[in-house]
Amino acid sequence: MKVGNPISRLKLNIPRQARVLDVGSGHNPHPRANVVVDKYVDDNYHRAGNLKVLNKQEFISADGENLPFKDKEFDYVICNHVLEHVDNPKQFLAELSRVGKRGYIETPSLLGEHLIPKPSHKWLLLDINDKLVIVDKAKVKFSTSHDFGLLFLDYFQQHSLGYKILQRTHQQLFTVNYEWKDSIDYILEPEDEAYLKYFIQPWNKEIYQEIMPQRSMGKELMRATSATIDIIKSVIKSKVLKSNS
C-alpha cells in the first residue's frame, strides 16, 4: 500500500541499519543502497551516462523482472526512473514487492513526459487515488511537439532559484514520487474512464486540484522556507566537496 509522497529519492526516511537495494541504478546509484542492480551493463540507451557503482556497494547484473534475491531479503527497495522503461510492469512491480518490505518508486509524471519526452519510455504514469496508474504511450497515441529537457534539466537547474523551490514544493508537476509498504497498488492499462481520462482528455481545474491539492498559505510558506533551506544546504555541501577535492 502507499504510505506517502517523498519530495525526492534523497529525502527518504530509511533506518541506518536497513539493507537497501537499488534496482536499475544506472549512472546515478542511490548513496544509501547496499546492493545495486542493473540490466544493461554496456548499453546507455536507457540512461544518461555510463554505469556507476559507489564505494562499498555490491553490483549485480540482473533483470528487474527476475531478481536473484529471496523473498523480503531487503528492508527497502529504491527504483528511480526505471518503471517507465520496462517491458512488463506487472512482473517488475511484483518482483520489487517480493524482495522488499517497503520501497520508493519515482518516474516522470504525465506533464514531465510532455516537457522532457524520451523515446526509451514506454509507459505514462500518474498517482491517482493512491494507486500507480500505468498507460502504454503508444495506445493513447502520445505525442509532443517540443522537448524542453535542456531548459528544465540544465538551464533552470543552474540559473533559477525559483525553479529549484518549485521542484521541492510541487514535485508532482514533473515526477511521480510513490513510497509503498508490503505491496504496490497499481492499475495497468485501465479501461475505466475514471482513470483513463487523465491521459486522453484535456485537464480542467478539477483535475489540477486533484493531482496538485491546494495548500493553505501557511503550509505553502512552510514548504517554500524548507525548500530554500534545503537548497542552501546543498550549495554549501557542493562547495565543501569541491574545496576538498
Protein backbone atom coordinates (compact mmCIF):
# COMPACT_ATOMS: atom_id res chain seq x y z
CA MET A 1 0.00 0.00 0.00
CA LYS A 2 1.02 3.62 -0.49
CA VAL A 3 2.48 5.34 2.56
CA GLY A 4 3.49 8.72 1.17
CA ASN A 5 4.93 11.03 -1.49
CA PRO A 6 8.52 11.93 -0.56
CA ILE A 7 9.95 15.09 -2.11
CA SER A 8 12.69 13.08 -3.83
CA ARG A 9 14.73 9.90 -3.65
CA LEU A 10 17.24 11.75 -1.46
CA LYS A 11 14.58 12.58 1.14
CA LEU A 12 13.69 9.05 2.21
CA ASN A 13 13.39 8.04 5.85
CA ILE A 14 15.44 4.83 5.76
CA PRO A 15 16.73 3.40 9.06
CA ARG A 16 20.52 3.30 9.32
CA GLN A 17 20.59 -0.46 9.85
CA ALA A 18 18.28 -1.22 6.89
CA ARG A 19 19.55 -3.31 3.99
CA VAL A 20 18.78 -1.36 0.81
CA LEU A 21 18.52 -2.40 -2.84
CA ASP A 22 18.60 -0.01 -5.82
CA VAL A 23 17.00 -1.57 -8.92
CA GLY A 24 18.10 -0.01 -12.20
CA SER A 25 20.78 2.09 -10.51
CA GLY A 26 22.43 3.03 -13.81
CA HIS A 27 24.69 6.09 -13.85
CA ASN A 28 23.29 7.51 -10.60
CA PRO A 29 23.06 4.86 -7.84
CA HIS A 30 21.42 5.84 -4.58
CA PRO A 31 24.13 6.56 -1.97
CA ARG A 32 22.17 4.65 0.67
CA ALA A 33 22.00 1.40 -1.33
CA ASN A 34 23.97 -1.64 -0.18
CA VAL A 35 23.28 -3.57 -3.39
CA VAL A 36 22.73 -2.09 -6.86
CA VAL A 37 21.24 -3.92 -9.83
CA ASP A 38 21.21 -3.04 -13.50
CA LYS A 39 20.20 -4.97 -16.59
CA TYR A 40 22.24 -3.01 -19.11
CA VAL A 41 25.95 -3.16 -18.35
CA ASP A 42 27.34 -1.81 -21.63
CA ASP A 43 24.33 -0.03 -23.14
CA ASN A 44 23.48 3.58 -22.21
CA TYR A 45 20.27 3.85 -24.24
CA HIS A 46 18.15 3.82 -21.07
CA ARG A 47 20.37 6.17 -19.03
CA ALA A 48 22.29 9.45 -19.27
CA GLY A 49 25.79 8.10 -18.67
CA ASN A 50 27.98 5.09 -18.01
CA LEU A 51 27.13 2.58 -15.32
CA LYS A 52 28.39 3.68 -11.89
CA VAL A 53 28.89 1.85 -8.59
CA LEU A 54 29.79 3.70 -5.39
CA ASN A 55 32.28 2.56 -2.77
CA LYS A 56 31.13 -0.38 -0.63
CA GLN A 57 28.21 -1.12 -2.96
CA GLU A 58 27.75 -4.61 -4.34
CA PHE A 59 26.84 -4.66 -8.04
CA ILE A 60 24.75 -7.44 -9.58
CA SER A 61 23.84 -7.64 -13.25
CA ALA A 62 20.21 -8.73 -13.37
CA ASP A 63 16.83 -8.04 -14.93
CA GLY A 64 14.39 -6.25 -12.62
CA GLU A 65 11.67 -8.59 -13.82
CA ASN A 66 13.59 -11.58 -12.45
CA LEU A 67 15.60 -10.51 -9.41
CA PRO A 68 18.02 -13.08 -7.93
CA PHE A 69 17.04 -12.49 -4.30
CA LYS A 70 15.00 -14.21 -1.62
CA ASP A 71 11.55 -13.04 -0.60
CA LYS A 72 11.74 -9.90 1.58
CA GLU A 73 15.54 -10.00 1.55
CA PHE A 74 15.73 -6.20 1.64
CA ASP A 75 14.27 -3.73 4.11
CA TYR A 76 13.93 -1.06 1.42
CA VAL A 77 13.93 -1.10 -2.40
CA ILE A 78 14.57 2.02 -4.47
CA CYS A 79 13.54 2.25 -8.10
CA ASN A 80 14.35 5.62 -9.66
CA HIS A 81 13.22 6.38 -13.23
CA VAL A 82 13.13 2.75 -14.33
CA LEU A 83 9.49 1.64 -14.33
CA GLU A 84 8.68 3.77 -17.38
CA HIS A 85 11.23 1.73 -19.38
CA VAL A 86 10.34 -1.86 -18.52
CA ASP A 87 8.74 -4.42 -20.84
CA ASN A 88 6.42 -5.97 -18.26
CA PRO A 89 5.36 -3.58 -15.46
CA LYS A 90 3.23 -6.24 -13.75
CA GLN A 91 6.17 -8.62 -13.38
CA PHE A 92 8.57 -5.82 -12.49
CA LEU A 93 6.37 -4.45 -9.69
CA ALA A 94 5.72 -7.97 -8.41
CA GLU A 95 9.47 -8.50 -8.08
CA LEU A 96 10.02 -5.22 -6.22
CA SER A 97 7.37 -6.07 -3.63
CA ARG A 98 8.56 -9.69 -3.43
CA VAL A 99 12.16 -8.88 -2.48
CA GLY A 100 11.43 -5.72 -0.45
CA LYS A 101 9.46 -4.95 2.69
CA ARG A 102 8.93 -1.38 1.57
CA GLY A 103 10.30 0.97 -1.03
CA TYR A 104 10.20 4.04 -3.24
CA ILE A 105 9.34 4.42 -6.92
CA GLU A 106 10.00 7.59 -8.91
CA THR A 107 9.04 8.13 -12.56
CA PRO A 108 8.27 11.05 -14.83
CA SER A 109 4.73 12.36 -14.39
CA LEU A 110 2.46 12.82 -17.40
CA LEU A 111 3.40 16.52 -17.53
CA GLY A 112 7.05 15.63 -17.06
CA GLU A 113 6.88 13.31 -20.05
CA HIS A 114 5.35 16.05 -22.18
CA LEU A 115 8.09 18.53 -21.25
CA ILE A 116 11.01 16.10 -21.29
CA PRO A 117 9.96 13.27 -23.64
CA LYS A 118 12.16 10.21 -24.00
CA PRO A 119 11.81 7.62 -26.79
CA SER A 120 13.05 4.94 -24.36
CA HIS A 121 10.00 5.48 -22.13
CA LYS A 122 7.22 3.01 -22.90
CA TRP A 123 4.77 3.98 -20.18
CA LEU A 124 2.97 7.07 -18.85
CA LEU A 125 2.31 7.19 -15.11
CA LEU A 126 0.27 9.10 -12.57
CA ASP A 127 -0.52 8.66 -8.88
CA ILE A 128 -4.33 8.58 -8.75
CA ASN A 129 -6.32 7.59 -5.65
CA ASP A 130 -3.09 6.30 -4.06
CA LYS A 131 -2.51 3.93 -6.97
CA LEU A 132 0.14 3.95 -9.66
CA VAL A 133 -1.79 4.17 -12.92
CA ILE A 134 0.24 2.91 -15.88
CA VAL A 135 -0.70 3.53 -19.52
CA ASP A 136 1.02 2.49 -22.75
CA LYS A 137 2.23 5.62 -24.57
CA ALA A 138 1.58 4.09 -27.97
CA LYS A 139 -2.00 3.08 -27.19
CA VAL A 140 -3.03 6.62 -26.25
CA LYS A 141 -1.08 7.98 -29.23
CA PHE A 142 1.12 10.12 -27.01
CA SER A 143 2.87 12.91 -28.87
CA THR A 144 4.63 16.14 -28.06
CA SER A 145 5.91 18.86 -30.37
CA HIS A 146 8.86 20.12 -28.30
CA ASP A 147 11.48 18.70 -25.95
CA PHE A 148 12.21 21.19 -23.14
CA GLY A 149 14.66 18.85 -21.40
CA LEU A 150 17.65 21.19 -21.59
CA LEU A 151 15.58 24.03 -20.14
CA PHE A 152 14.40 22.10 -17.07
CA LEU A 153 17.30 19.68 -16.55
CA ASP A 154 20.15 22.08 -17.27
CA TYR A 155 19.38 25.81 -17.65
CA PHE A 156 16.91 26.25 -14.77
CA GLN A 157 18.94 23.93 -12.55
CA GLN A 158 21.90 26.27 -12.88
CA HIS A 159 20.24 29.67 -13.04
CA SER A 160 16.83 29.69 -11.33
CA LEU A 161 16.32 29.65 -7.57
CA GLY A 162 12.57 29.90 -8.15
CA TYR A 163 12.58 26.71 -10.22
CA LYS A 164 14.52 24.83 -7.55
CA ILE A 165 11.98 25.91 -4.96
CA LEU A 166 9.14 24.83 -7.27
CA GLN A 167 10.76 21.40 -7.66
CA ARG A 168 10.77 20.93 -3.90
CA THR A 169 7.31 22.33 -3.18
CA HIS A 170 5.38 20.84 -6.12
CA GLN A 171 7.43 17.82 -7.16
CA GLN A 172 4.34 16.12 -8.63
CA LEU A 173 4.50 18.60 -11.53
CA PHE A 174 7.39 16.68 -13.05
CA THR A 175 7.59 13.33 -11.27
CA VAL A 176 5.56 10.64 -9.57
CA ASN A 177 7.07 10.04 -6.11
CA TYR A 178 5.49 6.95 -4.59
CA GLU A 179 6.51 5.28 -1.33
CA TRP A 180 4.98 1.89 -0.53
CA LYS A 181 4.90 -0.79 2.16
CA ASP A 182 4.26 -4.55 1.84
CA SER A 183 2.73 -4.30 -1.64
CA ILE A 184 2.36 -1.86 -4.53
CA ASP A 185 -1.13 -0.76 -5.54
CA TYR A 186 -1.34 -0.13 -9.27
CA ILE A 187 -3.62 -0.26 -12.28
CA LEU A 188 -2.09 -1.33 -15.59
CA GLU A 189 -3.81 -0.24 -18.80
CA PRO A 190 -7.05 0.99 -17.18
CA GLU A 191 -10.27 0.69 -19.12
CA ASP A 192 -12.29 2.66 -16.58
CA GLU A 193 -12.89 6.18 -17.85
CA ALA A 194 -12.39 7.49 -14.31
CA TYR A 195 -8.67 6.69 -14.65
CA LEU A 196 -8.15 6.83 -18.40
CA LYS A 197 -9.48 10.38 -18.73
CA TYR A 198 -6.30 11.83 -17.20
CA PHE A 199 -4.28 10.52 -20.15
CA ILE A 200 -6.61 11.21 -23.08
CA GLN A 201 -8.60 14.33 -22.20
CA PRO A 202 -7.60 17.97 -21.62
CA TRP A 203 -7.16 18.72 -17.94
CA ASN A 204 -9.53 21.07 -16.15
CA LYS A 205 -9.42 22.86 -12.81
CA GLU A 206 -10.90 19.83 -11.02
CA ILE A 207 -8.10 17.58 -12.21
CA TYR A 208 -5.43 20.15 -11.36
CA GLN A 209 -6.73 20.36 -7.80
CA GLU A 210 -6.84 16.57 -7.54
CA ILE A 211 -3.29 15.97 -8.80
CA MET A 212 -1.86 19.03 -7.03
CA PRO A 213 -4.10 19.69 -3.99
CA GLN A 214 -4.26 23.28 -2.86
CA ARG A 215 -2.50 24.03 0.44
CA SER A 216 -3.14 26.80 2.92
CA MET A 217 -0.94 29.90 2.75
CA GLY A 218 0.73 28.80 5.99
CA LYS A 219 1.65 25.40 4.58
CA GLU A 220 2.85 26.97 1.35
CA LEU A 221 5.13 29.28 3.32
CA MET A 222 6.47 26.35 5.37
CA ARG A 223 7.21 24.31 2.25
CA ALA A 224 8.88 27.26 0.49
CA THR A 225 11.02 28.01 3.56
CA SER A 226 12.01 24.37 3.91
CA ALA A 227 12.88 24.22 0.20
CA THR A 228 15.04 27.33 0.44
CA ILE A 229 16.94 25.94 3.43
CA ASP A 230 17.46 22.64 1.57
CA ILE A 231 18.86 24.48 -1.46
CA ILE A 232 21.27 26.50 0.72
CA LYS A 233 22.48 23.30 2.40
CA SER A 234 23.04 21.60 -0.96
CA VAL A 235 25.03 24.61 -2.27
CA ILE A 236 27.23 24.67 0.85
CA LYS A 237 27.77 20.90 0.65
CA SER A 238 28.73 21.16 -3.03
CA LYS A 239 31.27 23.92 -2.32
CA VAL A 240 32.78 21.96 0.57
CA LEU A 241 33.18 18.86 -1.59
CA LYS A 242 34.83 20.92 -4.36
CA SER A 243 37.24 22.54 -1.92
CA ASN A 244 38.23 19.13 -0.52
CA SER A 245 38.75 17.54 -3.92
